Amino acid sequence: MLSEKTVGTTSLRLSTFGLGATGLAGMYTQVPRTQAMDTLAMAWEKGVRYFDTAPFYGYGLGERRMGDFLRTKPRDSFVLSTKVGRMLAPLHPPPENNRFYRSELPFELKFDYSYDGAMRSIEDSLQRLGLGKIDIALIHDIDRFAHQDAQAAIFKQAMEGAYKALHQLRSEGLIDAIGIGVNECEVCVAALEHGDFDCFLLAGRFTLLDQSALATLLPKCAQRKVSIINGGVFNSGLLANLQAAELKYDYGHAPEEKIAKAKKIDAVCKKYEVPLAAAALQFPLWHPAVCTILLGARSAKEVSEIMDWLTIKIPVDLWEEFFALGLTDEK
């Protein structure tokens, strides 16, 4: 059974491995419903009790599929997070496949980080999920990756609007924890100065390929007892399979320097007979601020592989060699 860690100062406890809905909602590759349900069933069988989704994932499909599965389980037996910041509006005809999702429902997305928008977003998510409660609510994608030059204005709107809505819902006991879900450390550091958050879902910034969170964000989170839900540990797949036909890094084509570093990491792993993916999964778990790693498995087979990688005993010498070669900033 997977171990658990507490979220911030709340009573919520997350399993070491959490299942995200990106894969189940058809990110990059269409996923049939039966496959999605089998994936969720395998995750549950393996002890996964933390599940994350968002309106963005499959334009509502991620929430629908997770809700359909989780409604069959006792509500106090799992922790669920979703996000605010994007509203869904009907679109006819249905949209063409976008750069991310291949299983979209007939909706278009509209950013809305206002107070009223966040309140409505939570209500809409509950409807799609078919559940009576969301445990963790995250403000989604208020970083430069999503908004470029408009990021500063978006961040301000989110802190003055969506944050106040989520803070109110938490104070009323309707939500247990609040945070933000982003791809950049700087946004999390800024958020610490603007609000009382329990957790940050940070994707891709505390991995074997990118440890930018280590020097600035993670010490602040540990000091303030704000938990990190660590997403993107494979950096969009580069650390999972170096033999893939198309190597991706942070949702796009992998740059040569990242491929070169991944190959150096892989060479050390081979020396100790440790799969690259196992080292990538286990690396972030040593930090006290990290409460779980979040993965977007899209099949029961992938869930089983993740569990196998998590149980592999990794020699201390491997981590020491990473550090000695300058591949990690800590050993």
Protein backbone atom coordinates (compact mmCIF):
# COMPACT_ATOMS: atom_id res chain seq x y z
CA MET A 1 0.00 0.00 0.00
CA LEU A 2 1.20 3.50 -0.79
CA SER A 3 2.29 5.74 2.07
CA GLU A 4 0.57 9.06 2.73
CA LYS A 5 1.60 12.59 3.65
CA THR A 6 -0.40 15.50 5.04
CA VAL A 7 -1.32 18.52 2.93
CA GLY A 8 -0.01 21.63 4.67
CA THR A 9 -1.63 22.04 8.06
CA THR A 10 -4.90 20.40 6.97
CA SER A 11 -6.21 16.96 7.90
CA LEU A 12 -6.02 15.78 4.29
CA ARG A 13 -3.55 13.00 3.51
CA LEU A 14 -2.41 12.22 -0.04
CA SER A 15 -1.10 8.91 -1.32
CA THR A 16 2.52 9.09 -2.52
CA PHE A 17 1.32 8.61 -6.08
CA GLY A 18 -1.68 10.60 -7.28
CA LEU A 19 -3.47 10.05 -10.57
CA GLY A 20 -4.08 13.09 -12.75
CA ALA A 21 -6.78 13.21 -15.43
CA THR A 22 -4.71 14.61 -18.31
CA GLY A 23 -4.13 11.20 -19.87
CA LEU A 24 -7.64 9.95 -19.16
CA ALA A 25 -9.01 13.02 -20.96
CA GLY A 26 -7.03 12.36 -24.14
CA MET A 27 -3.92 14.50 -23.87
CA TYR A 28 -2.04 14.01 -27.18
CA THR A 29 -3.75 10.62 -27.77
CA GLN A 30 -7.42 9.67 -27.73
CA VAL A 31 -8.31 7.37 -24.84
CA PRO A 32 -11.49 5.26 -25.04
CA ARG A 33 -13.82 5.35 -22.04
CA THR A 34 -13.27 1.68 -21.19
CA GLN A 35 -9.52 2.23 -21.10
CA ALA A 36 -9.94 5.27 -18.85
CA MET A 37 -12.13 3.33 -16.43
CA ASP A 38 -9.67 0.41 -16.39
CA THR A 39 -6.88 2.87 -15.59
CA LEU A 40 -8.80 4.31 -12.65
CA ALA A 41 -9.68 0.83 -11.40
CA MET A 42 -6.05 -0.27 -11.49
CA ALA A 43 -4.94 2.89 -9.67
CA TRP A 44 -7.50 2.20 -6.95
CA GLU A 45 -6.42 -1.44 -6.70
CA LYS A 46 -2.80 -0.33 -6.27
CA GLY A 47 -3.70 2.02 -3.41
CA VAL A 48 -3.97 5.38 -5.16
CA ARG A 49 -6.34 7.58 -3.15
CA TYR A 50 -5.53 11.03 -4.55
CA PHE A 51 -7.10 12.10 -7.85
CA ASP A 52 -6.67 15.40 -9.68
CA THR A 53 -8.63 16.87 -12.57
CA ALA A 54 -9.63 20.22 -14.10
CA PRO A 55 -12.21 21.70 -16.49
CA PHE A 56 -9.38 22.16 -19.01
CA TYR A 57 -8.62 18.42 -19.24
CA GLY A 58 -10.56 17.22 -22.27
CA TYR A 59 -12.80 20.29 -21.96
CA GLY A 60 -14.78 18.67 -19.16
CA LEU A 61 -14.11 15.03 -20.06
CA GLY A 62 -11.53 14.55 -17.32
CA GLU A 63 -13.99 15.61 -14.64
CA ARG A 64 -16.79 13.48 -16.07
CA ARG A 65 -14.67 10.33 -16.22
CA MET A 66 -13.16 10.75 -12.78
CA GLY A 67 -16.54 11.52 -11.27
CA ASP A 68 -18.10 8.45 -12.88
CA PHE A 69 -15.46 6.25 -11.26
CA LEU A 70 -15.19 7.94 -7.87
CA ARG A 71 -18.96 7.93 -7.32
CA THR A 72 -18.64 4.17 -6.83
CA LYS A 73 -16.32 4.68 -3.84
CA PRO A 74 -17.05 5.90 -0.30
CA ARG A 75 -16.61 9.69 -0.33
CA ASP A 76 -14.33 9.69 2.71
CA SER A 77 -11.96 7.14 1.13
CA PHE A 78 -10.24 9.45 -1.40
CA VAL A 79 -9.03 13.02 -1.91
CA LEU A 80 -10.07 14.94 -5.02
CA SER A 81 -8.73 18.17 -6.46
CA THR A 82 -9.91 20.27 -9.37
CA LYS A 83 -9.24 23.76 -10.61
CA VAL A 84 -10.73 27.17 -11.35
CA GLY A 85 -9.80 29.77 -13.95
CA ARG A 86 -11.33 28.32 -17.10
CA MET A 87 -15.05 28.26 -17.82
CA LEU A 88 -16.63 25.99 -20.42
CA ALA A 89 -19.17 27.35 -22.90
CA PRO A 90 -21.13 25.26 -25.46
CA LEU A 91 -19.69 25.34 -28.95
CA HIS A 92 -21.45 24.13 -32.09
CA PRO A 93 -20.09 22.42 -34.04
CA PRO A 94 -17.64 20.70 -31.62
CA PRO A 95 -14.10 22.08 -31.77
CA GLU A 96 -11.31 20.60 -33.83
CA ASN A 97 -8.65 18.74 -31.86
CA ASN A 98 -6.34 21.31 -30.26
CA ARG A 99 -2.63 20.90 -29.56
CA PHE A 100 -3.29 19.12 -26.26
CA TYR A 101 -6.50 17.08 -26.23
CA ARG A 102 -7.91 14.46 -28.59
CA SER A 103 -11.12 13.63 -26.72
CA GLU A 104 -12.83 16.96 -26.31
CA LEU A 105 -16.45 17.53 -25.44
CA PRO A 106 -18.33 20.22 -27.45
CA PHE A 107 -17.16 23.22 -25.44
CA GLU A 108 -14.83 26.16 -25.77
CA LEU A 109 -12.71 27.57 -22.98
CA LYS A 110 -12.84 31.08 -21.57
CA PHE A 111 -10.44 32.30 -18.91
CA ASP A 112 -12.15 33.75 -15.85
CA TYR A 113 -10.24 34.36 -12.62
CA SER A 114 -12.89 36.57 -11.02
CA TYR A 115 -14.63 35.89 -7.70
CA ASP A 116 -17.92 35.06 -9.41
CA GLY A 117 -16.14 32.99 -12.04
CA ALA A 118 -14.41 30.85 -9.41
CA MET A 119 -17.66 30.31 -7.52
CA ARG A 120 -19.46 29.26 -10.67
CA SER A 121 -16.53 27.09 -11.74
CA ILE A 122 -16.72 25.08 -8.51
CA GLU A 123 -20.48 24.60 -8.98
CA ASP A 124 -19.98 23.53 -12.61
CA SER A 125 -17.25 21.08 -11.62
CA LEU A 126 -19.46 19.49 -8.98
CA GLN A 127 -22.12 19.00 -11.64
CA ARG A 128 -19.68 17.38 -14.09
CA LEU A 129 -18.18 15.22 -11.34
CA GLY A 130 -21.53 14.23 -9.93
CA LEU A 131 -20.08 14.58 -6.43
CA GLY A 132 -21.07 16.67 -3.45
CA LYS A 133 -17.63 17.94 -2.48
CA ILE A 134 -14.21 18.90 -3.81
CA ASP A 135 -11.38 18.54 -1.28
CA ILE A 136 -8.72 20.75 -2.89
CA ALA A 137 -9.39 23.69 -5.23
CA LEU A 138 -6.51 25.12 -7.24
CA ILE A 139 -6.28 28.33 -9.28
CA HIS A 140 -5.12 27.06 -12.66
CA ASP A 141 -2.37 28.39 -14.95
CA ILE A 142 -1.78 31.94 -13.76
CA ASP A 143 1.76 31.81 -15.13
CA ARG A 144 3.59 33.22 -18.14
CA PHE A 145 3.41 29.84 -19.87
CA ALA A 146 -0.36 30.29 -20.20
CA HIS A 147 -0.67 34.09 -20.48
CA GLN A 148 2.65 35.52 -21.73
CA ASP A 149 2.72 39.32 -21.36
CA ALA A 150 -0.73 39.40 -19.73
CA GLN A 151 0.47 37.30 -16.80
CA ALA A 152 0.86 40.16 -14.32
CA ALA A 153 -2.71 41.35 -14.90
CA ILE A 154 -4.05 37.79 -14.72
CA PHE A 155 -2.21 37.15 -11.46
CA LYS A 156 -3.67 40.33 -9.96
CA GLN A 157 -7.18 39.37 -11.03
CA ALA A 158 -6.76 35.89 -9.58
CA MET A 159 -5.51 37.13 -6.21
CA GLU A 160 -8.30 39.72 -5.96
CA GLY A 161 -11.01 37.40 -7.28
CA ALA A 162 -10.55 33.64 -7.42
CA TYR A 163 -8.38 33.51 -4.29
CA LYS A 164 -11.00 35.35 -2.24
CA ALA A 165 -13.69 32.95 -3.47
CA LEU A 166 -11.66 29.87 -2.56
CA HIS A 167 -10.64 31.37 0.78
CA GLN A 168 -14.31 31.90 1.59
CA LEU A 169 -15.26 28.36 0.58
CA ARG A 170 -12.47 26.98 2.76
CA SER A 171 -13.51 29.12 5.74
CA GLU A 172 -17.05 27.80 5.35
CA GLY A 173 -15.79 24.22 5.36
CA LEU A 174 -16.95 23.55 1.80
CA ILE A 175 -13.36 22.96 0.63
CA ASP A 176 -10.54 21.63 2.82
CA ALA A 177 -7.50 23.09 1.05
CA ILE A 178 -6.70 25.70 -1.59
CA GLY A 179 -3.72 26.42 -3.80
CA ILE A 180 -2.58 27.12 -7.33
CA GLY A 181 -1.61 24.81 -10.19
CA VAL A 182 1.13 26.17 -12.47
CA ASN A 183 4.31 25.38 -14.39
CA GLU A 184 6.54 28.11 -12.90
CA CYS A 185 8.18 28.56 -9.49
CA GLU A 186 8.07 32.33 -9.61
CA VAL A 187 4.27 32.39 -9.56
CA CYS A 188 4.19 30.20 -6.46
CA VAL A 189 6.71 32.42 -4.67
CA ALA A 190 4.59 35.48 -5.50
CA ALA A 191 1.43 33.70 -4.34
CA LEU A 192 2.99 33.03 -0.94
CA GLU A 193 3.14 36.80 -0.42
CA HIS A 194 -0.48 37.36 -1.49
CA GLY A 195 -2.49 34.67 0.25
CA ASP A 196 -2.80 31.85 2.74
CA PHE A 197 -2.36 28.72 0.62
CA ASP A 198 -2.19 25.07 1.68
CA CYS A 199 -0.49 23.63 -1.40
CA PHE A 200 0.89 24.26 -4.85
CA LEU A 201 0.60 21.87 -7.77
CA LEU A 202 3.89 22.58 -9.54
CA ALA A 203 4.60 20.83 -12.83
CA GLY A 204 8.07 20.15 -14.17
CA ARG A 205 10.16 22.38 -11.92
CA PHE A 206 11.44 19.80 -9.43
CA THR A 207 12.67 16.94 -11.57
CA LEU A 208 15.95 15.33 -12.57
CA LEU A 209 16.03 17.70 -15.56
CA ASP A 210 14.90 20.91 -13.85
CA GLN A 211 15.49 21.67 -10.18
CA SER A 212 14.69 25.38 -10.31
CA ALA A 213 12.25 25.03 -7.40
CA LEU A 214 14.92 23.72 -5.05
CA ALA A 215 16.75 26.92 -4.17
CA THR A 216 13.85 29.33 -3.80
CA LEU A 217 10.36 27.87 -3.59
CA LEU A 218 10.83 24.62 -1.68
CA PRO A 219 12.58 26.14 1.36
CA LYS A 220 9.83 28.77 1.64
CA CYS A 221 7.14 26.09 1.39
CA ALA A 222 8.82 23.92 4.01
CA GLN A 223 9.12 26.91 6.35
CA ARG A 224 5.47 27.91 5.92
CA LYS A 225 4.12 24.34 5.85
CA VAL A 226 2.78 24.66 2.31
CA SER A 227 2.83 21.32 0.51
CA ILE A 228 4.03 20.68 -3.04
CA ILE A 229 2.00 18.37 -5.26
CA ASN A 230 4.81 17.55 -7.65
CA GLY A 231 3.60 17.12 -11.21
CA GLY A 232 5.43 16.59 -14.47
CA VAL A 233 8.22 14.45 -12.99
CA PHE A 234 8.92 13.02 -16.46
CA ASN A 235 8.93 16.52 -18.05
CA SER A 236 6.29 15.44 -20.62
CA GLY A 237 7.88 12.04 -21.17
CA LEU A 238 11.57 12.70 -21.78
CA LEU A 239 12.51 11.02 -18.48
CA ALA A 240 10.14 8.11 -19.05
CA ASN A 241 11.30 6.80 -22.42
CA LEU A 242 14.37 7.97 -24.32
CA GLN A 243 13.47 5.57 -27.12
CA ALA A 244 10.16 7.28 -27.92
CA ALA A 245 9.56 8.19 -31.56
CA GLU A 246 9.00 11.84 -30.57
CA LEU A 247 10.85 13.13 -27.52
CA LYS A 248 8.86 15.79 -25.67
CA TYR A 249 9.86 18.23 -22.93
CA ASP A 250 7.39 20.53 -21.19
CA TYR A 251 4.58 19.94 -23.72
CA GLY A 252 6.76 20.55 -26.79
CA HIS A 253 9.67 19.10 -28.74
CA ALA A 254 12.61 18.32 -26.45
CA PRO A 255 15.60 20.64 -26.94
CA GLU A 256 18.95 18.99 -27.62
CA GLU A 257 20.49 20.12 -24.32
CA LYS A 258 17.70 18.45 -22.34
CA ILE A 259 18.03 15.25 -24.37
CA ALA A 260 21.78 15.27 -23.72
CA LYS A 261 21.27 15.67 -19.97
CA ALA A 262 18.64 12.94 -19.92
CA LYS A 263 21.10 10.60 -21.65
CA LYS A 264 23.76 11.36 -19.02
CA ILE A 265 21.25 10.60 -16.26
CA ASP A 266 20.25 7.41 -18.05
CA ALA A 267 23.88 6.31 -18.32
CA VAL A 268 24.28 6.53 -14.53
CA CYS A 269 21.02 4.66 -14.03
CA LYS A 270 22.19 1.86 -16.33
CA LYS A 271 25.41 1.58 -14.33
CA TYR A 272 23.35 0.78 -11.23
CA GLU A 273 20.75 -1.25 -13.15
CA VAL A 274 17.98 1.21 -12.24
CA PRO A 275 15.35 2.24 -14.81
CA LEU A 276 15.53 5.91 -15.71
CA ALA A 277 11.82 6.29 -14.95
CA ALA A 278 12.26 4.87 -11.45
CA ALA A 279 14.94 7.43 -10.61
CA ALA A 280 12.80 10.23 -12.06
CA LEU A 281 9.81 9.17 -9.95
CA GLN A 282 11.65 8.73 -6.69
CA PHE A 283 13.95 11.76 -6.88
CA PRO A 284 11.44 14.45 -5.71
CA LEU A 285 10.08 12.41 -2.82
CA TRP A 286 13.05 13.08 -0.54
CA HIS A 287 12.13 16.73 -0.02
CA PRO A 288 9.93 17.37 3.04
CA ALA A 289 7.78 19.92 1.19
CA VAL A 290 6.70 17.34 -1.41
CA CYS A 291 3.58 15.45 -0.31
CA THR A 292 2.91 13.47 -3.51
CA ILE A 293 3.90 13.00 -7.13
CA LEU A 294 1.10 13.42 -9.65
CA LEU A 295 1.12 11.36 -12.84
CA GLY A 296 -1.19 11.33 -15.85
CA ALA A 297 -1.24 7.60 -16.61
CA ARG A 298 -3.53 6.68 -19.50
CA SER A 299 -3.71 2.86 -19.12
CA ALA A 300 -3.78 0.17 -16.46
CA LYS A 301 -0.39 -1.00 -17.76
CA GLU A 302 1.13 2.43 -17.14
CA VAL A 303 -0.24 2.46 -13.59
CA SER A 304 1.34 -0.93 -12.92
CA GLU A 305 4.66 0.28 -14.35
CA ILE A 306 4.60 3.34 -12.12
CA MET A 307 3.98 1.19 -9.05
CA ASP A 308 6.86 -1.10 -10.02
CA TRP A 309 9.20 1.87 -10.47
CA LEU A 310 8.19 3.28 -7.09
CA THR A 311 9.09 0.05 -5.29
CA ILE A 312 12.57 -0.35 -6.81
CA LYS A 313 15.31 0.07 -4.22
CA ILE A 314 17.72 2.73 -5.52
CA PRO A 315 21.30 2.65 -4.17
CA VAL A 316 22.49 5.75 -2.35
CA ASP A 317 25.56 5.69 -4.58
CA LEU A 318 23.39 6.51 -7.60
CA TRP A 319 22.20 9.75 -6.02
CA GLU A 320 25.77 10.54 -4.94
CA GLU A 321 26.99 10.10 -8.50
CA PHE A 322 24.23 12.34 -9.88
CA PHE A 323 25.42 15.07 -7.51
CA ALA A 324 29.11 14.52 -8.23
CA LEU A 325 28.47 14.84 -11.97
CA GLY A 326 26.44 18.02 -11.51
CA LEU A 327 23.22 16.34 -12.63
CA THR A 328 21.42 17.24 -9.41
CA ASP A 329 21.75 20.19 -7.05
CA GLU A 330 21.32 18.04 -3.94
CA LYS A 331 22.35 14.49 -3.09
